[in-house]
C-alpha atoms as a PDB file:
ATOM      1  CA  VAL A   1      13.485 -15.095  -1.595  1.00  0.00           C
ATOM      2  CA  TYR A   2      14.422 -16.436   1.810  1.00  0.00           C
ATOM      3  CA  LEU A   3      12.170 -19.253   3.012  1.00  0.00           C
ATOM      4  CA  THR A   4      11.605 -20.126   6.677  1.00  0.00           C
ATOM      5  CA  ALA A   5       9.491 -22.704   8.445  1.00  0.00           C
ATOM      6  CA  HIS A   6       7.486 -20.309  10.659  1.00  0.00           C
ATOM      7  CA  LEU A   7       6.402 -16.659  10.755  1.00  0.00           C
ATOM      8  CA  GLU A   8       8.478 -15.846  13.852  1.00  0.00           C
ATOM      9  CA  GLU A   9      11.605 -17.192  12.134  1.00  0.00           C
ATOM     10  CA  ALA A  10      10.760 -15.144   9.021  1.00  0.00           C
ATOM     11  CA  ASP A  11      10.471 -11.952  11.039  1.00  0.00           C
ATOM     12  CA  ASN A  12      13.841 -12.578  12.718  1.00  0.00           C
ATOM     13  CA  ALA A  13      15.480 -13.531   9.412  1.00  0.00           C
ATOM     14  CA  ARG A  14      14.238 -10.332   7.757  1.00  0.00           C
ATOM     15  CA  ASP A  15      15.781  -8.249  10.559  1.00  0.00           C
ATOM     16  CA  ASP A  16      19.085 -10.126  10.255  1.00  0.00           C
ATOM     17  CA  LEU A  17      19.174  -9.863   6.456  1.00  0.00           C
ATOM     18  CA  GLU A  18      18.410  -6.133   6.571  1.00  0.00           C
ATOM     19  CA  PHE A  19      21.287  -5.641   8.981  1.00  0.00           C
ATOM     20  CA  PHE A  20      23.839  -7.660   7.011  1.00  0.00           C
ATOM     21  CA  LEU A  21      22.739  -6.619   3.516  1.00  0.00           C
ATOM     22  CA  ASP A  22      22.141  -2.984   4.525  1.00  0.00           C
ATOM     23  CA  ARG A  23      18.898  -2.744   2.553  1.00  0.00           C
ATOM     24  CA  PRO A  24      15.256  -3.154   3.479  1.00  0.00           C
ATOM     25  CA  GLY A  25      13.514  -6.472   3.123  1.00  0.00           C
ATOM     26  CA  GLU A  26       9.869  -7.395   2.814  1.00  0.00           C
ATOM     27  CA  LEU A  27       8.016  -9.968   4.860  1.00  0.00           C
ATOM     28  CA  LEU A  28       5.261 -11.909   3.108  1.00  0.00           C
ATOM     29  CA  SER A  29       2.984 -12.784   6.000  1.00  0.00           C
ATOM     30  CA  ALA A  30       0.744 -15.814   6.118  1.00  0.00           C
ATOM     31  CA  TRP A  31      -2.817 -15.961   7.331  1.00  0.00           C
ATOM     32  CA  GLU A  32      -2.950 -17.901  10.567  1.00  0.00           C
ATOM     33  CA  THR A  33      -6.716 -18.337  10.105  1.00  0.00           C
ATOM     34  CA  LEU A  34      -8.893 -18.321   7.012  1.00  0.00           C
ATOM     35  CA  PRO A  35      -8.346 -15.237   4.796  1.00  0.00           C
ATOM     36  CA  GLY A  36     -10.483 -12.344   6.034  1.00  0.00           C
ATOM     37  CA  GLU A  37     -10.877 -13.763   9.533  1.00  0.00           C
ATOM     38  CA  GLY A  38      -9.125 -12.640  12.688  1.00  0.00           C
ATOM     39  CA  GLU A  39      -8.252  -9.179  13.923  1.00  0.00           C
ATOM     40  CA  SER A  40      -5.119  -8.733  11.796  1.00  0.00           C
ATOM     41  CA  ALA A  41      -6.645 -10.091   8.567  1.00  0.00           C
ATOM     42  CA  GLY A  42      -7.016  -6.635   6.991  1.00  0.00           C
ATOM     43  CA  GLU A  43      -3.382  -5.775   7.659  1.00  0.00           C
ATOM     44  CA  ILE A  44      -2.169  -9.085   6.240  1.00  0.00           C
ATOM     45  CA  ASP A  45      -4.378  -8.647   3.155  1.00  0.00           C
ATOM     46  CA  ALA A  46      -3.021  -5.122   2.640  1.00  0.00           C
ATOM     47  CA  GLU A  47       0.622  -6.180   3.022  1.00  0.00           C
ATOM     48  CA  ARG A  48       0.236  -9.137   0.656  1.00  0.00           C
ATOM     49  CA  PHE A  49      -1.533  -6.887  -1.876  1.00  0.00           C
ATOM     50  CA  ARG A  50       1.178  -4.197  -1.583  1.00  0.00           C
ATOM     51  CA  ILE A  51       4.001  -6.711  -2.096  1.00  0.00           C
ATOM     52  CA  CYS A  52       2.251  -8.341  -5.074  1.00  0.00           C
ATOM     53  CA  ALA A  53       1.492  -4.944  -6.634  1.00  0.00           C
ATOM     54  CA  ALA A  54       5.138  -3.895  -6.242  1.00  0.00           C
ATOM     55  CA  ALA A  55       6.339  -7.197  -7.693  1.00  0.00           C
ATOM     56  CA  ALA A  56       4.113  -6.647 -10.740  1.00  0.00           C
ATOM     57  CA  GLN A  57       6.024  -3.444 -11.584  1.00  0.00           C
ATOM     58  CA  PRO A  58       9.119  -3.723 -13.824  1.00  0.00           C
ATOM     59  CA  SER A  59      11.593  -2.852 -11.073  1.00  0.00           C
ATOM     60  CA  GLY A  60       9.327  -3.238  -8.083  1.00  0.00           C
ATOM     61  CA  PHE A  61      10.209  -6.681  -6.752  1.00  0.00           C
ATOM     62  CA  PRO A  62      11.828  -6.267  -3.347  1.00  0.00           C
ATOM     63  CA  ALA A  63      15.558  -6.979  -3.118  1.00  0.00           C
ATOM     64  CA  VAL A  64      14.894  -9.386  -0.248  1.00  0.00           C
ATOM     65  CA  LEU A  65      11.610 -11.192   0.304  1.00  0.00           C
ATOM     66  CA  VAL A  66      11.336 -13.332   3.415  1.00  0.00           C
ATOM     67  CA  ALA A  67       8.404 -15.710   3.787  1.00  0.00           C
ATOM     68  CA  PRO A  68       7.353 -18.663   5.865  1.00  0.00           C
ATOM     69  CA  GLY A  69       6.460 -21.704   3.779  1.00  0.00           C
ATOM     70  CA  GLN A  70       2.788 -21.316   4.698  1.00  0.00           C
ATOM     71  CA  ALA A  71       2.697 -17.839   3.073  1.00  0.00           C
ATOM     72  CA  LEU A  72       3.982 -19.209  -0.235  1.00  0.00           C
ATOM     73  CA  MET A  73       1.279 -21.878  -0.279  1.00  0.00           C
ATOM     74  CA  GLN A  74      -1.524 -19.327   0.154  1.00  0.00           C
ATOM     75  CA  PRO A  75      -3.100 -17.579  -2.836  1.00  0.00           C
ATOM     76  CA  VAL A  76      -2.081 -14.132  -4.017  1.00  0.00           C
ATOM     77  CA  PRO A  77      -4.091 -11.753  -6.214  1.00  0.00           C
ATOM     78  CA  THR A  78      -4.047 -12.326  -9.945  1.00  0.00           C
ATOM     79  CA  ALA A  79      -2.709  -9.645 -12.277  1.00  0.00           C
ATOM     80  CA  GLU A  80      -6.305  -8.877 -13.328  1.00  0.00           C
ATOM     81  CA  SER A  81      -7.370  -8.486  -9.703  1.00  0.00           C
ATOM     82  CA  LEU A  82      -4.425  -6.165  -9.039  1.00  0.00           C
ATOM     83  CA  ARG A  83      -5.379  -3.979 -12.000  1.00  0.00           C
ATOM     84  CA  ALA A  84      -9.027  -3.846 -10.906  1.00  0.00           C
ATOM     85  CA  ARG A  85      -8.067  -2.813  -7.374  1.00  0.00           C
ATOM     86  CA  THR A  86      -5.476  -0.221  -8.387  1.00  0.00           C
ATOM     87  CA  LEU A  87      -5.955   3.416  -9.319  1.00  0.00           C
ATOM     88  CA  ASN A  88      -2.914   5.067 -10.875  1.00  0.00           C
ATOM     89  CA  VAL A  89      -2.447   8.835 -10.717  1.00  0.00           C
ATOM     90  CA  ALA A  90       0.390  10.913 -12.181  1.00  0.00           C
ATOM     91  CA  VAL A  91       1.438  14.540 -11.981  1.00  0.00           C
ATOM     92  CA  GLY A  92       0.177  16.238 -15.119  1.00  0.00           C
ATOM     93  CA  GLY A  93      -2.595  13.691 -15.543  1.00  0.00           C
ATOM     94  CA  ARG A  94      -6.259  14.547 -15.479  1.00  0.00           C
ATOM     95  CA  SER A  95      -8.939  13.179 -13.205  1.00  0.00           C
ATOM     96  CA  ASP A  96     -11.986  14.454 -11.398  1.00  0.00           C
ATOM     97  CA  PRO A  97     -11.515  14.459  -7.598  1.00  0.00           C
ATOM     98  CA  ARG A  98     -15.147  13.357  -7.224  1.00  0.00           C
ATOM     99  CA  ALA A  99     -14.484  10.372  -9.510  1.00  0.00           C
ATOM    100  CA  ILE A 100     -11.525   9.400  -7.303  1.00  0.00           C
ATOM    101  CA  ALA A 101     -13.756   9.722  -4.222  1.00  0.00           C
ATOM    102  CA  ASP A 102     -16.393   7.490  -5.854  1.00  0.00           C
ATOM    103  CA  TRP A 103     -13.733   4.928  -6.816  1.00  0.00           C
ATOM    104  CA  LEU A 104     -12.345   4.881  -3.265  1.00  0.00           C
ATOM    105  CA  SER A 105     -15.813   4.608  -1.674  1.00  0.00           C
ATOM    106  CA  GLY A 106     -16.665   1.741  -4.000  1.00  0.00           C
ATOM    107  CA  ARG A 107     -13.657  -0.176  -2.712  1.00  0.00           C
ATOM    108  CA  GLY A 108     -14.388   0.195   0.981  1.00  0.00           C
ATOM    109  CA  PHE A 109     -12.446   3.355   1.843  1.00  0.00           C
ATOM    110  CA  GLU A 110     -14.043   5.554   4.492  1.00  0.00           C
ATOM    111  CA  ARG A 111     -14.410   9.282   3.884  1.00  0.00           C
ATOM    112  CA  LEU A 112     -13.390  11.416   6.867  1.00  0.00           C
ATOM    113  CA  ASP A 113     -12.499  15.049   7.483  1.00  0.00           C
ATOM    114  CA  LEU A 114      -8.841  14.024   8.000  1.00  0.00           C
ATOM    115  CA  VAL A 115      -7.222  10.682   7.224  1.00  0.00           C
ATOM    116  CA  GLU A 116      -6.254   8.773  10.348  1.00  0.00           C
ATOM    117  CA  SER A 117      -5.453   5.216   9.342  1.00  0.00           C
ATOM    118  CA  PRO A 118      -5.176   2.933   6.305  1.00  0.00           C
ATOM    119  CA  GLY A 119      -8.453   2.762   4.417  1.00  0.00           C
ATOM    120  CA  ASP A 120      -9.352   6.436   4.973  1.00  0.00           C
ATOM    121  CA  PHE A 121      -9.617   9.294   2.493  1.00  0.00           C
ATOM    122  CA  ALA A 122     -10.498  12.973   2.777  1.00  0.00           C
ATOM    123  CA  ILE A 123     -11.347  15.747   0.353  1.00  0.00           C
ATOM    124  CA  ARG A 124     -10.682  19.384   1.162  1.00  0.00           C
ATOM    125  CA  GLY A 125     -11.241  21.674  -1.789  1.00  0.00           C
ATOM    126  CA  ASP A 126      -8.777  20.691  -4.523  1.00  0.00           C
ATOM    127  CA  ILE A 127      -6.890  18.251  -2.279  1.00  0.00           C
ATOM    128  CA  VAL A 128      -7.552  14.525  -1.956  1.00  0.00           C
ATOM    129  CA  ASP A 129      -5.776  12.691   0.871  1.00  0.00           C
ATOM    130  CA  VAL A 130      -5.646   8.895   0.631  1.00  0.00           C
ATOM    131  CA  PHE A 131      -4.226   6.424   3.142  1.00  0.00           C
ATOM    132  CA  ALA A 132      -4.003   3.173   1.193  1.00  0.00           C
ATOM    133  CA  PRO A 133      -3.850  -0.109   3.100  1.00  0.00           C
ATOM    134  CA  GLY A 134      -0.290  -1.406   3.102  1.00  0.00           C
ATOM    135  CA  ASP A 135       1.242   2.071   2.718  1.00  0.00           C
ATOM    136  CA  ARG A 136       3.304   3.494   5.537  1.00  0.00           C
ATOM    137  CA  LEU A 137       2.326   7.117   4.849  1.00  0.00           C
ATOM    138  CA  PRO A 138      -0.767   8.667   3.248  1.00  0.00           C
ATOM    139  CA  LEU A 139      -0.776  10.475  -0.105  1.00  0.00           C
ATOM    140  CA  ARG A 140      -1.887  14.025  -0.802  1.00  0.00           C
ATOM    141  CA  ILE A 141      -3.046  14.613  -4.372  1.00  0.00           C
ATOM    142  CA  GLU A 142      -3.400  18.288  -5.240  1.00  0.00           C
ATOM    143  CA  PHE A 143      -5.541  19.372  -8.187  1.00  0.00           C
ATOM    144  CA  PHE A 144      -5.979  22.500 -10.249  1.00  0.00           C
ATOM    145  CA  ASP A 145      -9.439  21.971 -11.696  1.00  0.00           C
ATOM    146  CA  ASP A 146      -9.061  18.397 -13.056  1.00  0.00           C
ATOM    147  CA  ALA A 147      -5.267  18.473 -13.549  1.00  0.00           C
ATOM    148  CA  ILE A 148      -3.075  16.742 -10.969  1.00  0.00           C
ATOM    149  CA  GLU A 149      -0.528  19.349  -9.862  1.00  0.00           C
ATOM    150  CA  SER A 150       1.347  17.354  -7.227  1.00  0.00           C
ATOM    151  CA  ILE A 151       1.441  14.061  -5.371  1.00  0.00           C
ATOM    152  CA  ARG A 152       3.150  13.957  -1.987  1.00  0.00           C
ATOM    153  CA  ARG A 153       3.472  11.617   0.944  1.00  0.00           C
ATOM    154  CA  PHE A 154       2.807  13.356   4.237  1.00  0.00           C
ATOM    155  CA  ASP A 155       3.218  12.840   7.962  1.00  0.00           C
ATOM    156  CA  LEU A 156      -0.068  12.255   9.793  1.00  0.00           C
ATOM    157  CA  SER A 157       0.816  14.153  12.952  1.00  0.00           C
ATOM    158  CA  SER A 158       2.277  17.301  11.374  1.00  0.00           C
ATOM    159  CA  GLN A 159       0.386  17.153   8.047  1.00  0.00           C
ATOM    160  CA  ARG A 160       3.669  18.210   6.400  1.00  0.00           C
ATOM    161  CA  SER A 161       4.946  16.731   3.146  1.00  0.00           C
ATOM    162  CA  VAL A 162       7.670  14.116   3.446  1.00  0.00           C
ATOM    163  CA  ASP A 163       8.470  13.616  -0.240  1.00  0.00           C
ATOM    164  CA  ARG A 164       7.133  14.270  -3.721  1.00  0.00           C
ATOM    165  CA  LEU A 165       6.130  11.600  -6.210  1.00  0.00           C
ATOM    166  CA  ASP A 166       5.655  11.738  -9.973  1.00  0.00           C
ATOM    167  CA  MET A 167       3.072   8.980  -9.830  1.00  0.00           C
ATOM    168  CA  ALA A 168       1.297   6.734  -7.355  1.00  0.00           C
END
């Protein structure tokens, strides 16, 4: 954890550390206003949630975490809150695509014909596309009946798979 006084310094420090350490770093942003207020509040919430969810995994804590002091003084989700706001899927697992759609809708995701931005999901036949807030690329979950056949990240513009995942 690399601590800075201000957000601008944290952003610069992350870039410098990534260059010198040759590995990606994470930036824990701070709310400049009250949580949930301001035009970037949703993005900050999503990034803080993503970093906390990764840190809760056995090997998920980022190698380098850069944060302004203000970010470390602000609350983060509890482990119970993370579990309640997380849906885990795995290749070979079973789930009903409609149940996933209901779960997503109940947590504020918007159903569209094609995902466009974080917070969107789409269902086309046996395929569920999900663009989770905080993720850089959306997921495509492919079903055969209620069995999960594959999970892939895909590029929005080409709709082509970028990589395969065993679980998400």
